[in-house]
Structures are given as C-alpha cells and as structure tokens.
PDB file of N, CA and C in Angstrom:
ATOM      1  N   UNK A   1       4.263 -22.621 -36.279  1.00  0.00           N
ATOM      2  CA  UNK A   1       2.833 -22.644 -36.027  1.00  0.00           C
ATOM      3  C   UNK A   1       2.365 -21.224 -35.729  1.00  0.00           C
ATOM      4  N   UNK A   2       1.340 -20.805 -36.373  1.00  0.00           N
ATOM      5  CA  UNK A   2       0.840 -19.455 -36.159  1.00  0.00           C
ATOM      6  C   UNK A   2      -0.217 -19.458 -35.071  1.00  0.00           C
ATOM      7  N   UNK A   3      -0.288 -18.341 -34.367  1.00  0.00           N
ATOM      8  CA  UNK A   3      -1.266 -18.195 -33.297  1.00  0.00           C
ATOM      9  C   UNK A   3      -2.650 -17.990 -33.906  1.00  0.00           C
ATOM     10  N   UNK A   4      -3.688 -18.575 -33.323  1.00  0.00           N
ATOM     11  CA  UNK A   4      -5.031 -18.328 -33.837  1.00  0.00           C
ATOM     12  C   UNK A   4      -5.397 -16.868 -33.614  1.00  0.00           C
ATOM     13  N   UNK A   5      -6.099 -16.310 -34.532  1.00  0.00           N
ATOM     14  CA  UNK A   5      -6.510 -14.920 -34.405  1.00  0.00           C
ATOM     15  C   UNK A   5      -7.848 -14.871 -33.689  1.00  0.00           C
ATOM     16  N   UNK A   6      -7.809 -14.669 -32.380  1.00  0.00           N
ATOM     17  CA  UNK A   6      -9.020 -14.661 -31.565  1.00  0.00           C
ATOM     18  C   UNK A   6      -9.873 -13.425 -31.813  1.00  0.00           C
ATOM     19  N   UNK A   7      -9.247 -12.376 -32.250  1.00  0.00           N
ATOM     20  CA  UNK A   7      -9.953 -11.114 -32.427  1.00  0.00           C
ATOM     21  C   UNK A   7     -10.970 -11.198 -33.546  1.00  0.00           C
ATOM     22  N   UNK A   8     -10.635 -11.848 -34.633  1.00  0.00           N
ATOM     23  CA  UNK A   8     -11.514 -11.889 -35.793  1.00  0.00           C
ATOM     24  C   UNK A   8     -12.589 -12.968 -35.699  1.00  0.00           C
ATOM     25  N   UNK A   9     -12.546 -13.831 -34.689  1.00  0.00           N
ATOM     26  CA  UNK A   9     -13.512 -14.926 -34.584  1.00  0.00           C
ATOM     27  C   UNK A   9     -14.831 -14.492 -33.962  1.00  0.00           C
ATOM     28  N   UNK A  10     -14.814 -13.482 -33.122  1.00  0.00           N
ATOM     29  CA  UNK A  10     -16.025 -13.075 -32.418  1.00  0.00           C
ATOM     30  C   UNK A  10     -16.214 -11.576 -32.538  1.00  0.00           C
ATOM     31  N   UNK A  11     -17.477 -11.153 -32.658  1.00  0.00           N
ATOM     32  CA  UNK A  11     -17.714  -9.702 -32.617  1.00  0.00           C
ATOM     33  C   UNK A  11     -17.530  -9.235 -31.172  1.00  0.00           C
ATOM     34  N   UNK A  12     -16.531  -8.416 -30.930  1.00  0.00           N
ATOM     35  CA  UNK A  12     -16.179  -8.016 -29.571  1.00  0.00           C
ATOM     36  C   UNK A  12     -16.260  -6.519 -29.402  1.00  0.00           C
ATOM     37  N   UNK A  13     -16.435  -6.123 -28.168  1.00  0.00           N
ATOM     38  CA  UNK A  13     -16.336  -4.708 -27.869  1.00  0.00           C
ATOM     39  C   UNK A  13     -14.873  -4.291 -28.002  1.00  0.00           C
ATOM     40  N   UNK A  14     -14.638  -3.032 -28.191  1.00  0.00           N
ATOM     41  CA  UNK A  14     -13.273  -2.534 -28.418  1.00  0.00           C
ATOM     42  C   UNK A  14     -12.313  -2.862 -27.270  1.00  0.00           C
ATOM     43  N   UNK A  15     -12.680  -2.690 -25.974  1.00  0.00           N
ATOM     44  CA  UNK A  15     -11.733  -3.032 -24.901  1.00  0.00           C
ATOM     45  C   UNK A  15     -11.334  -4.503 -24.907  1.00  0.00           C
ATOM     46  N   UNK A  16     -12.281  -5.394 -25.204  1.00  0.00           N
ATOM     47  CA  UNK A  16     -11.953  -6.815 -25.241  1.00  0.00           C
ATOM     48  C   UNK A  16     -11.040  -7.113 -26.421  1.00  0.00           C
ATOM     49  N   UNK A  17     -11.319  -6.493 -27.542  1.00  0.00           N
ATOM     50  CA  UNK A  17     -10.464  -6.684 -28.710  1.00  0.00           C
ATOM     51  C   UNK A  17      -9.049  -6.185 -28.418  1.00  0.00           C
ATOM     52  N   UNK A  18      -8.935  -5.046 -27.741  1.00  0.00           N
ATOM     53  CA  UNK A  18      -7.609  -4.515 -27.372  1.00  0.00           C
ATOM     54  C   UNK A  18      -6.883  -5.482 -26.439  1.00  0.00           C
ATOM     55  N   UNK A  19      -7.600  -6.027 -25.477  1.00  0.00           N
ATOM     56  CA  UNK A  19      -6.999  -6.963 -24.533  1.00  0.00           C
ATOM     57  C   UNK A  19      -6.509  -8.214 -25.260  1.00  0.00           C
ATOM     58  N   UNK A  20      -7.329  -8.755 -26.123  1.00  0.00           N
ATOM     59  CA  UNK A  20      -6.919  -9.938 -26.877  1.00  0.00           C
ATOM     60  C   UNK A  20      -5.727  -9.644 -27.784  1.00  0.00           C
ATOM     61  N   UNK A  21      -5.705  -8.464 -28.362  1.00  0.00           N
ATOM     62  CA  UNK A  21      -4.577  -8.068 -29.219  1.00  0.00           C
ATOM     63  C   UNK A  21      -3.281  -8.041 -28.406  1.00  0.00           C
ATOM     64  N   UNK A  22      -3.356  -7.512 -27.203  1.00  0.00           N
ATOM     65  CA  UNK A  22      -2.176  -7.464 -26.332  1.00  0.00           C
ATOM     66  C   UNK A  22      -1.722  -8.872 -25.949  1.00  0.00           C
ATOM     67  N   UNK A  23      -2.677  -9.735 -25.649  1.00  0.00           N
ATOM     68  CA  UNK A  23      -2.326 -11.117 -25.297  1.00  0.00           C
ATOM     69  C   UNK A  23      -1.643 -11.805 -26.467  1.00  0.00           C
ATOM     70  N   UNK A  24      -2.181 -11.615 -27.659  1.00  0.00           N
ATOM     71  CA  UNK A  24      -1.591 -12.247 -28.833  1.00  0.00           C
ATOM     72  C   UNK A  24      -0.183 -11.732 -29.112  1.00  0.00           C
ATOM     73  N   UNK A  25       0.090 -10.499 -28.741  1.00  0.00           N
ATOM     74  CA  UNK A  25       1.413  -9.926 -28.991  1.00  0.00           C
ATOM     75  C   UNK A  25       2.416 -10.308 -27.894  1.00  0.00           C
ATOM     76  N   UNK A  26       1.925 -10.920 -26.831  1.00  0.00           N
ATOM     77  CA  UNK A  26       2.785 -11.355 -25.729  1.00  0.00           C
ATOM     78  C   UNK A  26       3.280 -12.767 -26.031  1.00  0.00           C
ATOM     79  N   UNK A  27       4.586 -13.025 -25.904  1.00  0.00           N
ATOM     80  CA  UNK A  27       5.094 -14.387 -26.138  1.00  0.00           C
ATOM     81  C   UNK A  27       4.369 -15.398 -25.247  1.00  0.00           C
ATOM     82  N   UNK A  28       4.049 -16.522 -25.813  1.00  0.00           N
ATOM     83  CA  UNK A  28       3.225 -17.529 -25.135  1.00  0.00           C
ATOM     84  C   UNK A  28       3.835 -18.022 -23.826  1.00  0.00           C
ATOM     85  N   UNK A  29       5.157 -18.046 -23.727  1.00  0.00           N
ATOM     86  CA  UNK A  29       5.768 -18.534 -22.479  1.00  0.00           C
ATOM     87  C   UNK A  29       5.467 -17.611 -21.292  1.00  0.00           C
ATOM     88  N   UNK A  30       5.005 -16.370 -21.569  1.00  0.00           N
ATOM     89  CA  UNK A  30       4.675 -15.430 -20.496  1.00  0.00           C
ATOM     90  C   UNK A  30       3.185 -15.443 -20.152  1.00  0.00           C
ATOM     91  N   UNK A  31       2.385 -16.215 -20.872  1.00  0.00           N
ATOM     92  CA  UNK A  31       0.948 -16.244 -20.621  1.00  0.00           C
ATOM     93  C   UNK A  31       0.589 -16.688 -19.205  1.00  0.00           C
ATOM     94  N   UNK A  32       1.255 -17.695 -18.616  1.00  0.00           N
ATOM     95  CA  UNK A  32       0.893 -18.046 -17.226  1.00  0.00           C
ATOM     96  C   UNK A  32       1.098 -16.873 -16.264  1.00  0.00           C
ATOM     97  N   UNK A  33       2.176 -16.117 -16.451  1.00  0.00           N
ATOM     98  CA  UNK A  33       2.412 -14.948 -15.593  1.00  0.00           C
ATOM     99  C   UNK A  33       1.352 -13.880 -15.837  1.00  0.00           C
ATOM    100  N   UNK A  34       1.012 -13.687 -17.103  1.00  0.00           N
ATOM    101  CA  UNK A  34       0.002 -12.701 -17.452  1.00  0.00           C
ATOM    102  C   UNK A  34      -1.345 -13.086 -16.841  1.00  0.00           C
ATOM    103  N   UNK A  35      -1.684 -14.347 -16.933  1.00  0.00           N
ATOM    104  CA  UNK A  35      -2.935 -14.831 -16.348  1.00  0.00           C
ATOM    105  C   UNK A  35      -2.948 -14.601 -14.840  1.00  0.00           C
ATOM    106  N   UNK A  36      -1.842 -14.869 -14.201  1.00  0.00           N
ATOM    107  CA  UNK A  36      -1.744 -14.655 -12.749  1.00  0.00           C
ATOM    108  C   UNK A  36      -1.918 -13.171 -12.414  1.00  0.00           C
ATOM    109  N   UNK A  37      -1.317 -12.305 -13.218  1.00  0.00           N
ATOM    110  CA  UNK A  37      -1.449 -10.862 -12.993  1.00  0.00           C
ATOM    111  C   UNK A  37      -2.895 -10.409 -13.195  1.00  0.00           C
ATOM    112  N   UNK A  38      -3.547 -10.934 -14.210  1.00  0.00           N
ATOM    113  CA  UNK A  38      -4.936 -10.556 -14.470  1.00  0.00           C
ATOM    114  C   UNK A  38      -5.834 -11.010 -13.323  1.00  0.00           C
ATOM    115  N   UNK A  39      -5.613 -12.230 -12.846  1.00  0.00           N
ATOM    116  CA  UNK A  39      -6.418 -12.732 -11.719  1.00  0.00           C
ATOM    117  C   UNK A  39      -6.184 -11.894 -10.465  1.00  0.00           C
ATOM    118  N   UNK A  40      -4.938 -11.564 -10.184  1.00  0.00           N
ATOM    119  CA  UNK A  40      -4.625 -10.743  -9.024  1.00  0.00           C
ATOM    120  C   UNK A  40      -5.274  -9.362  -9.148  1.00  0.00           C
ATOM    121  N   UNK A  41      -5.186  -8.790 -10.334  1.00  0.00           N
ATOM    122  CA  UNK A  41      -5.815  -7.493 -10.575  1.00  0.00           C
ATOM    123  C   UNK A  41      -7.318  -7.565 -10.319  1.00  0.00           C
ATOM    124  N   UNK A  42      -7.967  -8.594 -10.868  1.00  0.00           N
ATOM    125  CA  UNK A  42      -9.409  -8.747 -10.694  1.00  0.00           C
ATOM    126  C   UNK A  42      -9.758  -8.870  -9.210  1.00  0.00           C
ATOM    127  N   UNK A  43      -8.989  -9.660  -8.479  1.00  0.00           N
ATOM    128  CA  UNK A  43      -9.252  -9.843  -7.052  1.00  0.00           C
ATOM    129  C   UNK A  43      -9.110  -8.536  -6.284  1.00  0.00           C
ATOM    130  N   UNK A  44      -8.114  -7.752  -6.615  1.00  0.00           N
ATOM    131  CA  UNK A  44      -7.901  -6.515  -5.862  1.00  0.00           C
ATOM    132  C   UNK A  44      -8.940  -5.463  -6.195  1.00  0.00           C
ATOM    133  N   UNK A  45      -9.392  -5.392  -7.437  1.00  0.00           N
ATOM    134  CA  UNK A  45     -10.380  -4.361  -7.763  1.00  0.00           C
ATOM    135  C   UNK A  45     -11.785  -4.750  -7.342  1.00  0.00           C
ATOM    136  N   UNK A  46     -12.060  -6.022  -7.225  1.00  0.00           N
ATOM    137  CA  UNK A  46     -13.405  -6.423  -6.807  1.00  0.00           C
ATOM    138  C   UNK A  46     -13.554  -6.421  -5.295  1.00  0.00           C
ATOM    139  N   UNK A  47     -12.458  -6.596  -4.564  1.00  0.00           N
ATOM    140  CA  UNK A  47     -12.513  -6.632  -3.110  1.00  0.00           C
ATOM    141  C   UNK A  47     -12.247  -5.242  -2.519  1.00  0.00           C
ATOM    142  N   UNK A  48     -11.417  -4.489  -3.178  1.00  0.00           N
ATOM    143  CA  UNK A  48     -10.967  -3.194  -2.687  1.00  0.00           C
ATOM    144  C   UNK A  48     -12.137  -2.212  -2.571  1.00  0.00           C
ATOM    145  N   UNK A  49     -12.216  -1.490  -1.449  1.00  0.00           N
ATOM    146  CA  UNK A  49     -13.274  -0.485  -1.340  1.00  0.00           C
ATOM    147  C   UNK A  49     -13.023   0.647  -2.323  1.00  0.00           C
ATOM    148  N   UNK A  50     -14.051   1.370  -2.610  1.00  0.00           N
ATOM    149  CA  UNK A  50     -13.897   2.496  -3.523  1.00  0.00           C
ATOM    150  C   UNK A  50     -12.993   3.535  -2.881  1.00  0.00           C
ATOM    151  N   UNK A  51     -12.434   4.392  -3.696  1.00  0.00           N
ATOM    152  CA  UNK A  51     -11.537   5.415  -3.154  1.00  0.00           C
ATOM    153  C   UNK A  51     -12.290   6.332  -2.203  1.00  0.00           C
ATOM    154  N   UNK A  52     -13.567   6.518  -2.455  1.00  0.00           N
ATOM    155  CA  UNK A  52     -14.381   7.340  -1.562  1.00  0.00           C
ATOM    156  C   UNK A  52     -14.475   6.692  -0.185  1.00  0.00           C
ATOM    157  N   UNK A  53     -14.685   5.367  -0.150  1.00  0.00           N
ATOM    158  CA  UNK A  53     -14.749   4.651   1.123  1.00  0.00           C
ATOM    159  C   UNK A  53     -13.411   4.708   1.847  1.00  0.00           C
ATOM    160  N   UNK A  54     -12.333   4.535   1.099  1.00  0.00           N
ATOM    161  CA  UNK A  54     -10.995   4.572   1.697  1.00  0.00           C
ATOM    162  C   UNK A  54     -10.720   5.957   2.271  1.00  0.00           C
ATOM    163  N   UNK A  55     -11.123   6.993   1.549  1.00  0.00           N
ATOM    164  CA  UNK A  55     -10.913   8.365   2.017  1.00  0.00           C
ATOM    165  C   UNK A  55     -11.699   8.603   3.310  1.00  0.00           C
ATOM    166  N   UNK A  56     -12.942   8.167   3.331  1.00  0.00           N
ATOM    167  CA  UNK A  56     -13.770   8.341   4.534  1.00  0.00           C
ATOM    168  C   UNK A  56     -13.157   7.612   5.723  1.00  0.00           C
ATOM    169  N   UNK A  57     -12.648   6.390   5.484  1.00  0.00           N
ATOM    170  CA  UNK A  57     -12.040   5.618   6.567  1.00  0.00           C
ATOM    171  C   UNK A  57     -10.789   6.319   7.089  1.00  0.00           C
ATOM    172  N   UNK A  58      -9.962   6.818   6.187  1.00  0.00           N
ATOM    173  CA  UNK A  58      -8.739   7.518   6.599  1.00  0.00           C
ATOM    174  C   UNK A  58      -9.074   8.770   7.397  1.00  0.00           C
ATOM    175  N   UNK A  59     -10.040   9.538   6.930  1.00  0.00           N
ATOM    176  CA  UNK A  59     -10.426  10.758   7.644  1.00  0.00           C
ATOM    177  C   UNK A  59     -11.023  10.426   9.014  1.00  0.00           C
ATOM    178  N   UNK A  60     -11.791   9.343   9.090  1.00  0.00           N
ATOM    179  CA  UNK A  60     -12.364   8.929  10.362  1.00  0.00           C
ATOM    180  C   UNK A  60     -11.267   8.549  11.353  1.00  0.00           C
ATOM    181  N   UNK A  61     -10.228   7.856  10.863  1.00  0.00           N
ATOM    182  CA  UNK A  61      -9.113   7.475  11.733  1.00  0.00           C
ATOM    183  C   UNK A  61      -8.337   8.704  12.212  1.00  0.00           C
ATOM    184  N   UNK A  62      -8.249   9.720  11.364  1.00  0.00           N
ATOM    185  CA  UNK A  62      -7.561  10.960  11.765  1.00  0.00           C
ATOM    186  C   UNK A  62      -8.396  11.723  12.785  1.00  0.00           C
ATOM    187  N   UNK A  63      -9.700  11.845  12.520  1.00  0.00           N
ATOM    188  CA  UNK A  63     -10.578  12.633  13.391  1.00  0.00           C
ATOM    189  C   UNK A  63     -10.976  11.905  14.672  1.00  0.00           C
ATOM    190  N   UNK A  64     -10.978  10.575  14.650  1.00  0.00           N
ATOM    191  CA  UNK A  64     -11.362   9.779  15.812  1.00  0.00           C
ATOM    192  C   UNK A  64     -10.300   8.712  16.066  1.00  0.00           C
ATOM    193  N   UNK A  65      -9.126   9.133  16.496  1.00  0.00           N
ATOM    194  CA  UNK A  65      -8.032   8.163  16.668  1.00  0.00           C
ATOM    195  C   UNK A  65      -8.339   7.157  17.773  1.00  0.00           C
ATOM    196  N   UNK A  66      -7.847   5.964  17.567  1.00  0.00           N
ATOM    197  CA  UNK A  66      -7.981   4.890  18.552  1.00  0.00           C
ATOM    198  C   UNK A  66      -6.926   5.112  19.632  1.00  0.00           C
ATOM    199  N   UNK A  67      -7.350   5.394  20.866  1.00  0.00           N
ATOM    200  CA  UNK A  67      -6.382   5.673  21.940  1.00  0.00           C
ATOM    201  C   UNK A  67      -5.374   4.548  22.153  1.00  0.00           C
ATOM    202  N   UNK A  68      -5.816   3.296  22.024  1.00  0.00           N
ATOM    203  CA  UNK A  68      -4.897   2.170  22.224  1.00  0.00           C
ATOM    204  C   UNK A  68      -3.807   2.161  21.159  1.00  0.00           C
ATOM    205  N   UNK A  69      -4.178   2.471  19.911  1.00  0.00           N
ATOM    206  CA  UNK A  69      -3.185   2.522  18.836  1.00  0.00           C
ATOM    207  C   UNK A  69      -2.212   3.672  19.071  1.00  0.00           C
ATOM    208  N   UNK A  70      -2.730   4.804  19.547  1.00  0.00           N
ATOM    209  CA  UNK A  70      -1.855   5.945  19.812  1.00  0.00           C
ATOM    210  C   UNK A  70      -0.857   5.626  20.913  1.00  0.00           C
ATOM    211  N   UNK A  71      -1.321   4.961  21.953  1.00  0.00           N
ATOM    212  CA  UNK A  71      -0.427   4.580  23.056  1.00  0.00           C
ATOM    213  C   UNK A  71       0.641   3.621  22.538  1.00  0.00           C
ATOM    214  N   UNK A  72       0.223   2.657  21.719  1.00  0.00           N
ATOM    215  CA  UNK A  72       1.183   1.693  21.167  1.00  0.00           C
ATOM    216  C   UNK A  72       2.210   2.408  20.283  1.00  0.00           C
ATOM    217  N   UNK A  73       1.755   3.375  19.485  1.00  0.00           N
ATOM    218  CA  UNK A  73       2.688   4.133  18.638  1.00  0.00           C
ATOM    219  C   UNK A  73       3.667   4.927  19.490  1.00  0.00           C
ATOM    220  N   UNK A  74       3.160   5.548  20.553  1.00  0.00           N
ATOM    221  CA  UNK A  74       4.038   6.319  21.432  1.00  0.00           C
ATOM    222  C   UNK A  74       5.081   5.420  22.092  1.00  0.00           C
ATOM    223  N   UNK A  75       4.668   4.227  22.523  1.00  0.00           N
ATOM    224  CA  UNK A  75       5.615   3.306  23.144  1.00  0.00           C
ATOM    225  C   UNK A  75       6.669   2.859  22.137  1.00  0.00           C
ATOM    226  N   UNK A  76       6.222   2.564  20.916  1.00  0.00           N
ATOM    227  CA  UNK A  76       7.162   2.131  19.877  1.00  0.00           C
ATOM    228  C   UNK A  76       8.142   3.255  19.544  1.00  0.00           C
ATOM    229  N   UNK A  77       7.650   4.480  19.473  1.00  0.00           N
ATOM    230  CA  UNK A  77       8.527   5.609  19.181  1.00  0.00           C
ATOM    231  C   UNK A  77       9.499   5.852  20.332  1.00  0.00           C
ATOM    232  N   UNK A  78       9.025   5.725  21.559  1.00  0.00           N
ATOM    233  CA  UNK A  78       9.908   5.882  22.719  1.00  0.00           C
ATOM    234  C   UNK A  78      11.018   4.843  22.689  1.00  0.00           C
ATOM    235  N   UNK A  79      10.659   3.602  22.358  1.00  0.00           N
ATOM    236  CA  UNK A  79      11.653   2.528  22.266  1.00  0.00           C
ATOM    237  C   UNK A  79      12.659   2.827  21.158  1.00  0.00           C
ATOM    238  N   UNK A  80      12.189   3.323  20.029  1.00  0.00           N
ATOM    239  CA  UNK A  80      13.080   3.679  18.929  1.00  0.00           C
ATOM    240  C   UNK A  80      14.055   4.776  19.355  1.00  0.00           C
ATOM    241  N   UNK A  81      13.538   5.776  20.039  1.00  0.00           N
ATOM    242  CA  UNK A  81      14.404   6.854  20.517  1.00  0.00           C
ATOM    243  C   UNK A  81      15.458   6.326  21.486  1.00  0.00           C
ATOM    244  N   UNK A  82      15.048   5.422  22.369  1.00  0.00           N
ATOM    245  CA  UNK A  82      15.997   4.842  23.325  1.00  0.00           C
ATOM    246  C   UNK A  82      17.106   4.095  22.591  1.00  0.00           C
ATOM    247  N   UNK A  83      16.726   3.324  21.562  1.00  0.00           N
ATOM    248  CA  UNK A  83      17.721   2.579  20.784  1.00  0.00           C
ATOM    249  C   UNK A  83      18.666   3.522  20.056  1.00  0.00           C
ATOM    250  N   UNK A  84      18.114   4.608  19.519  1.00  0.00           N
ATOM    251  CA  UNK A  84      18.962   5.591  18.826  1.00  0.00           C
ATOM    252  C   UNK A  84      20.024   6.144  19.766  1.00  0.00           C
ATOM    253  N   UNK A  85      19.591   6.449  20.985  1.00  0.00           N
ATOM    254  CA  UNK A  85      20.540   7.004  21.958  1.00  0.00           C
ATOM    255  C   UNK A  85      21.620   5.985  22.320  1.00  0.00           C
ATOM    256  N   UNK A  86      21.260   4.714  22.387  1.00  0.00           N
ATOM    257  CA  UNK A  86      22.228   3.671  22.725  1.00  0.00           C
ATOM    258  C   UNK A  86      23.213   3.418  21.589  1.00  0.00           C
ATOM    259  N   UNK A  87      22.770   3.575  20.347  1.00  0.00           N
ATOM    260  CA  UNK A  87      23.606   3.249  19.193  1.00  0.00           C
ATOM    261  C   UNK A  87      24.755   4.235  18.985  1.00  0.00           C
ATOM    262  N   UNK A  88      24.616   5.438  19.411  1.00  0.00           N
ATOM    263  CA  UNK A  88      25.683   6.406  19.192  1.00  0.00           C
ATOM    264  C   UNK A  88      25.388   7.704  19.900  1.00  0.00           C
ATOM    265  N   UNK A  89      26.400   8.539  20.030  1.00  0.00           N
ATOM    266  CA  UNK A  89      26.202   9.796  20.723  1.00  0.00           C
ATOM    267  C   UNK A  89      26.548  10.977  19.826  1.00  0.00           C
ATOM    268  N   UNK A  90      26.333  10.811  18.528  1.00  0.00           N
ATOM    269  CA  UNK A  90      26.599  11.912  17.605  1.00  0.00           C
ATOM    270  C   UNK A  90      25.685  13.080  17.951  1.00  0.00           C
ATOM    271  N   UNK A  91      26.184  14.266  17.773  1.00  0.00           N
ATOM    272  CA  UNK A  91      25.462  15.485  18.142  1.00  0.00           C
ATOM    273  C   UNK A  91      24.098  15.577  17.469  1.00  0.00           C
ATOM    274  N   UNK A  92      24.055  15.341  16.171  1.00  0.00           N
ATOM    275  CA  UNK A  92      22.790  15.465  15.434  1.00  0.00           C
ATOM    276  C   UNK A  92      21.763  14.445  15.928  1.00  0.00           C
ATOM    277  N   UNK A  93      22.233  13.235  16.164  1.00  0.00           N
ATOM    278  CA  UNK A  93      21.338  12.178  16.627  1.00  0.00           C
ATOM    279  C   UNK A  93      20.764  12.528  18.001  1.00  0.00           C
ATOM    280  N   UNK A  94      21.582  13.058  18.869  1.00  0.00           N
ATOM    281  CA  UNK A  94      21.146  13.426  20.212  1.00  0.00           C
ATOM    282  C   UNK A  94      20.132  14.565  20.151  1.00  0.00           C
ATOM    283  N   UNK A  95      20.396  15.561  19.314  1.00  0.00           N
ATOM    284  CA  UNK A  95      19.469  16.682  19.170  1.00  0.00           C
ATOM    285  C   UNK A  95      18.124  16.218  18.615  1.00  0.00           C
ATOM    286  N   UNK A  96      18.156  15.353  17.609  1.00  0.00           N
ATOM    287  CA  UNK A  96      16.922  14.839  17.012  1.00  0.00           C
ATOM    288  C   UNK A  96      16.126  14.046  18.041  1.00  0.00           C
ATOM    289  N   UNK A  97      16.810  13.213  18.811  1.00  0.00           N
ATOM    290  CA  UNK A  97      16.134  12.417  19.832  1.00  0.00           C
ATOM    291  C   UNK A  97      15.459  13.317  20.858  1.00  0.00           C
ATOM    292  N   UNK A  98      16.123  14.397  21.239  1.00  0.00           N
ATOM    293  CA  UNK A  98      15.559  15.314  22.230  1.00  0.00           C
ATOM    294  C   UNK A  98      14.324  16.032  21.682  1.00  0.00           C
ATOM    295  N   UNK A  99      14.385  16.450  20.437  1.00  0.00           N
ATOM    296  CA  UNK A  99      13.239  17.122  19.805  1.00  0.00           C
ATOM    297  C   UNK A  99      12.043  16.169  19.749  1.00  0.00           C
ATOM    298  N   UNK A 100      12.295  14.933  19.334  1.00  0.00           N
ATOM    299  CA  UNK A 100      11.210  13.957  19.248  1.00  0.00           C
ATOM    300  C   UNK A 100      10.665  13.609  20.630  1.00  0.00           C
ATOM    301  N   UNK A 101      11.538  13.511  21.617  1.00  0.00           N
ATOM    302  CA  UNK A 101      11.088  13.207  22.981  1.00  0.00           C
ATOM    303  C   UNK A 101      10.180  14.330  23.506  1.00  0.00           C
ATOM    304  N   UNK A 102      10.558  15.572  23.266  1.00  0.00           N
ATOM    305  CA  UNK A 102       9.727  16.697  23.716  1.00  0.00           C
ATOM    306  C   UNK A 102       8.370  16.672  23.023  1.00  0.00           C
ATOM    307  N   UNK A 103       8.371  16.382  21.719  1.00  0.00           N
ATOM    308  CA  UNK A 103       7.114  16.313  20.980  1.00  0.00           C
ATOM    309  C   UNK A 103       6.223  15.200  21.535  1.00  0.00           C
ATOM    310  N   UNK A 104       6.833  14.084  21.893  1.00  0.00           N
ATOM    311  CA  UNK A 104       6.072  12.979  22.483  1.00  0.00           C
ATOM    312  C   UNK A 104       5.471  13.382  23.821  1.00  0.00           C
ATOM    313  N   UNK A 105       6.262  14.049  24.649  1.00  0.00           N
ATOM    314  CA  UNK A 105       5.790  14.453  25.968  1.00  0.00           C
ATOM    315  C   UNK A 105       4.648  15.453  25.866  1.00  0.00           C
ATOM    316  N   UNK A 106       4.693  16.335  24.876  1.00  0.00           N
ATOM    317  CA  UNK A 106       3.653  17.325  24.688  1.00  0.00           C
ATOM    318  C   UNK A 106       2.353  16.688  24.213  1.00  0.00           C
ATOM    319  N   UNK A 107       2.446  15.563  23.523  1.00  0.00           N
ATOM    320  CA  UNK A 107       1.282  14.907  22.956  1.00  0.00           C
ATOM    321  C   UNK A 107       0.912  13.628  23.680  1.00  0.00           C
ATOM    322  N   UNK A 108       1.332  13.487  24.916  1.00  0.00           N
ATOM    323  CA  UNK A 108       1.032  12.285  25.686  1.00  0.00           C
ATOM    324  C   UNK A 108      -0.473  12.150  25.870  1.00  0.00           C
ATOM    325  N   UNK A 109      -0.934  10.934  25.683  1.00  0.00           N
ATOM    326  CA  UNK A 109      -2.360  10.657  25.791  1.00  0.00           C
ATOM    327  C   UNK A 109      -2.610   9.924  27.098  1.00  0.00           C
ATOM    328  N   UNK A 110      -3.597  10.353  27.832  1.00  0.00           N
ATOM    329  CA  UNK A 110      -3.958   9.641  29.052  1.00  0.00           C
ATOM    330  C   UNK A 110      -5.267   8.915  28.814  1.00  0.00           C
ATOM    331  N   UNK A 111      -5.301   7.679  29.265  1.00  0.00           N
ATOM    332  CA  UNK A 111      -6.504   6.851  29.053  1.00  0.00           C
ATOM    333  C   UNK A 111      -7.219   6.673  30.361  1.00  0.00           C
TER     334      UNK A 111
END
C-alpha cells in the first residue's frame, strides 16, 4: 500500500510542504512518537518566555539575589563540605574543603 501524497493535494507554503515531506519519509510506526515530539515542542515554545525575558530574569536574580535562597545555598554547601570531610582525609580533598570554607566565610550573608 502506498502512502497518500499529502504534499500535492493542497497548495501549501514551503515550510508546511517540507514538514509533510519529512513526515512522509518517516516510517509510519514512528508517527505516534513524532506526534508526541511535535506536541511537546509546540507546548514548550508557546509557554516558554522569550530569550530576552529569560535574560532579564537571570540578570535580575544576579543583581538582586534572594537572601533566603543565598542562605539555603550556603547551608547546603556547608553540609556538602562536612560530608566531604567525613568521607575521606585525602590531602587534595582537605585542601579543597578548606578553600571553599574560607570562601563561604568571606561571603557570609547576614539577614
């Protein structure tokens, strides 16, 4: 059974014709996966903020950090350093932990 030629049935714009050509060249057993990918793509591009908005949000977070998030990050990093020290006493690991601890102490945030 031959696949219907969807491209020649309707006058289409070039991008739509290209898309239909790709679909026709894809084995039919993969069409459900392709459809799922297309739907996911559509959802992400229609919901996703523009790159300009994302850039502004990232810069705002850098320039105006949330003190509570910074405190939580510092606590998590302190806990990680403590675990590293407990896991082993290799020279490099100890030196790295000390460097990170000093950096944390220098950047301590008071609320």
